[in-house]
Amino acid sequence: MRISPTETAVTVKSTARDGESVEIDQSLLASTLEYIRPALQYDGGDLILEGVDEDGTVNLNLVGACSGCPMSMMTLTAGIERILIDRVPGVTAVKAL
């Protein structure tokens, strides 16, 4: 199941909690991405939320300077993924498309 960024909440199977169903609040996810976005934009990049998979993986498209940056994978895992997992219950991982 793939959800769109316009949905308000979705129930996903989270492997982080032994397979129990959890809801990812899309408005919380969107506001957390808005919190992250200025740091990326400061360096000429940005991100686009493509959706969330059943397992709680957030799919992002890194654009602008971020799309070709050799440090983008570090930014994704050490920055974006860490913040999303900490602030949005149900998020298990972040993947760049």
C-alpha atoms as a PDB file:
ATOM      1  CA  MET A   1       0.000   0.000   0.000  1.00  0.00           C
ATOM      2  CA  ARG A   2       1.323   3.421  -0.924  1.00  0.00           C
ATOM      3  CA  ILE A   3      -0.270   6.561   0.429  1.00  0.00           C
ATOM      4  CA  SER A   4      -0.246  10.022  -0.949  1.00  0.00           C
ATOM      5  CA  PRO A   5       0.991  13.083   0.945  1.00  0.00           C
ATOM      6  CA  THR A   6      -2.568  14.483   0.981  1.00  0.00           C
ATOM      7  CA  GLU A   7      -4.034  11.776   3.240  1.00  0.00           C
ATOM      8  CA  THR A   8      -4.362  12.763   6.904  1.00  0.00           C
ATOM      9  CA  ALA A   9      -3.459   9.414   8.496  1.00  0.00           C
ATOM     10  CA  VAL A  10      -2.746   5.889   7.392  1.00  0.00           C
ATOM     11  CA  THR A  11      -2.539   2.592   9.236  1.00  0.00           C
ATOM     12  CA  VAL A  12       0.671   0.742   8.470  1.00  0.00           C
ATOM     13  CA  LYS A  13       2.274  -2.445   9.731  1.00  0.00           C
ATOM     14  CA  SER A  14       5.313  -1.400  11.680  1.00  0.00           C
ATOM     15  CA  THR A  15       8.062  -3.990  11.964  1.00  0.00           C
ATOM     16  CA  ALA A  16       9.627  -1.871  14.707  1.00  0.00           C
ATOM     17  CA  ARG A  17       6.760  -2.777  17.028  1.00  0.00           C
ATOM     18  CA  ASP A  18       6.552  -6.505  16.300  1.00  0.00           C
ATOM     19  CA  GLY A  19       4.027  -6.085  13.494  1.00  0.00           C
ATOM     20  CA  GLU A  20       1.304  -4.246  15.409  1.00  0.00           C
ATOM     21  CA  SER A  21      -0.679  -1.669  13.451  1.00  0.00           C
ATOM     22  CA  VAL A  22       0.231   1.956  13.988  1.00  0.00           C
ATOM     23  CA  GLU A  23      -1.026   5.143  12.392  1.00  0.00           C
ATOM     24  CA  ILE A  24       1.276   7.663  10.794  1.00  0.00           C
ATOM     25  CA  ASP A  25      -0.237  11.100  11.115  1.00  0.00           C
ATOM     26  CA  GLN A  26       0.321  12.742   7.726  1.00  0.00           C
ATOM     27  CA  SER A  27      -0.115  16.271   9.086  1.00  0.00           C
ATOM     28  CA  LEU A  28       2.585  15.592  11.708  1.00  0.00           C
ATOM     29  CA  LEU A  29       4.801  14.113   9.003  1.00  0.00           C
ATOM     30  CA  ALA A  30       4.238  17.152   6.759  1.00  0.00           C
ATOM     31  CA  SER A  31       4.937  19.627   9.572  1.00  0.00           C
ATOM     32  CA  THR A  32       8.121  17.765  10.509  1.00  0.00           C
ATOM     33  CA  LEU A  33       9.289  17.901   6.892  1.00  0.00           C
ATOM     34  CA  GLU A  34       8.557  21.647   6.907  1.00  0.00           C
ATOM     35  CA  TYR A  35      10.784  21.897   9.998  1.00  0.00           C
ATOM     36  CA  ILE A  36      13.617  20.161   8.092  1.00  0.00           C
ATOM     37  CA  ARG A  37      13.113  21.917   4.728  1.00  0.00           C
ATOM     38  CA  PRO A  38      14.813  25.311   5.518  1.00  0.00           C
ATOM     39  CA  ALA A  39      18.161  23.622   6.237  1.00  0.00           C
ATOM     40  CA  LEU A  40      18.060  21.936   2.825  1.00  0.00           C
ATOM     41  CA  GLN A  41      16.900  25.085   1.065  1.00  0.00           C
ATOM     42  CA  TYR A  42      19.725  27.081   2.641  1.00  0.00           C
ATOM     43  CA  ASP A  43      22.152  24.890   0.668  1.00  0.00           C
ATOM     44  CA  GLY A  44      20.106  25.038  -2.551  1.00  0.00           C
ATOM     45  CA  GLY A  45      18.219  21.776  -2.165  1.00  0.00           C
ATOM     46  CA  ASP A  46      14.758  20.621  -1.175  1.00  0.00           C
ATOM     47  CA  LEU A  47      12.683  17.487  -0.692  1.00  0.00           C
ATOM     48  CA  ILE A  48       9.375  16.193  -1.997  1.00  0.00           C
ATOM     49  CA  LEU A  49       7.286  13.677  -0.043  1.00  0.00           C
ATOM     50  CA  GLU A  50       6.373  10.860  -2.433  1.00  0.00           C
ATOM     51  CA  GLY A  51       4.447   8.758   0.104  1.00  0.00           C
ATOM     52  CA  VAL A  52       4.725   6.170   2.867  1.00  0.00           C
ATOM     53  CA  ASP A  53       4.968   2.401   2.392  1.00  0.00           C
ATOM     54  CA  GLU A  54       3.163  -0.251   4.474  1.00  0.00           C
ATOM     55  CA  ASP A  55       6.226  -0.849   6.622  1.00  0.00           C
ATOM     56  CA  GLY A  56       6.495   2.801   7.677  1.00  0.00           C
ATOM     57  CA  THR A  57       9.190   3.771   5.168  1.00  0.00           C
ATOM     58  CA  VAL A  58       8.907   7.405   4.095  1.00  0.00           C
ATOM     59  CA  ASN A  59       9.780   7.910   0.422  1.00  0.00           C
ATOM     60  CA  LEU A  60      11.355  11.251  -0.419  1.00  0.00           C
ATOM     61  CA  ASN A  61      12.637  12.790  -3.608  1.00  0.00           C
ATOM     62  CA  LEU A  62      15.685  14.984  -2.993  1.00  0.00           C
ATOM     63  CA  VAL A  63      15.795  17.816  -5.526  1.00  0.00           C
ATOM     64  CA  GLY A  64      17.945  20.807  -6.391  1.00  0.00           C
ATOM     65  CA  ALA A  65      21.481  20.729  -5.016  1.00  0.00           C
ATOM     66  CA  CYS A  66      20.563  17.689  -2.888  1.00  0.00           C
ATOM     67  CA  SER A  67      19.914  15.477  -5.920  1.00  0.00           C
ATOM     68  CA  GLY A  68      23.560  15.340  -6.981  1.00  0.00           C
ATOM     69  CA  CYS A  69      25.298  16.014  -3.688  1.00  0.00           C
ATOM     70  CA  PRO A  70      27.748  13.314  -2.541  1.00  0.00           C
ATOM     71  CA  MET A  71      26.668  13.986   1.071  1.00  0.00           C
ATOM     72  CA  SER A  72      22.954  13.478   0.374  1.00  0.00           C
ATOM     73  CA  MET A  73      22.864   9.918   1.771  1.00  0.00           C
ATOM     74  CA  MET A  74      24.456  11.109   5.015  1.00  0.00           C
ATOM     75  CA  THR A  75      21.955  13.976   5.182  1.00  0.00           C
ATOM     76  CA  LEU A  76      19.151  11.493   4.572  1.00  0.00           C
ATOM     77  CA  THR A  77      20.131   8.987   7.261  1.00  0.00           C
ATOM     78  CA  ALA A  78      21.914  11.092   9.887  1.00  0.00           C
ATOM     79  CA  GLY A  79      19.573  14.050   9.578  1.00  0.00           C
ATOM     80  CA  ILE A  80      16.192  13.523   7.964  1.00  0.00           C
ATOM     81  CA  GLU A  81      15.637   9.889   8.991  1.00  0.00           C
ATOM     82  CA  ARG A  82      16.728  10.485  12.591  1.00  0.00           C
ATOM     83  CA  ILE A  83      14.407  13.473  12.978  1.00  0.00           C
ATOM     84  CA  LEU A  84      11.413  11.720  11.380  1.00  0.00           C
ATOM     85  CA  ILE A  85      11.808   8.571  13.488  1.00  0.00           C
ATOM     86  CA  ASP A  86      12.113  10.689  16.644  1.00  0.00           C
ATOM     87  CA  ARG A  87       9.150  12.988  15.911  1.00  0.00           C
ATOM     88  CA  VAL A  88       6.650  10.891  13.910  1.00  0.00           C
ATOM     89  CA  PRO A  89       5.408   7.659  15.515  1.00  0.00           C
ATOM     90  CA  GLY A  90       5.292   4.751  13.056  1.00  0.00           C
ATOM     91  CA  VAL A  91       8.092   5.942  10.775  1.00  0.00           C
ATOM     92  CA  THR A  92      10.671   3.138  10.520  1.00  0.00           C
ATOM     93  CA  ALA A  93      12.978   4.357   7.737  1.00  0.00           C
ATOM     94  CA  VAL A  94      13.470   6.988   5.058  1.00  0.00           C
ATOM     95  CA  LYS A  95      14.328   6.204   1.446  1.00  0.00           C
ATOM     96  CA  ALA A  96      15.337   8.569  -1.349  1.00  0.00           C
ATOM     97  CA  LEU A  97      13.789   7.826  -4.729  1.00  0.00           C
END
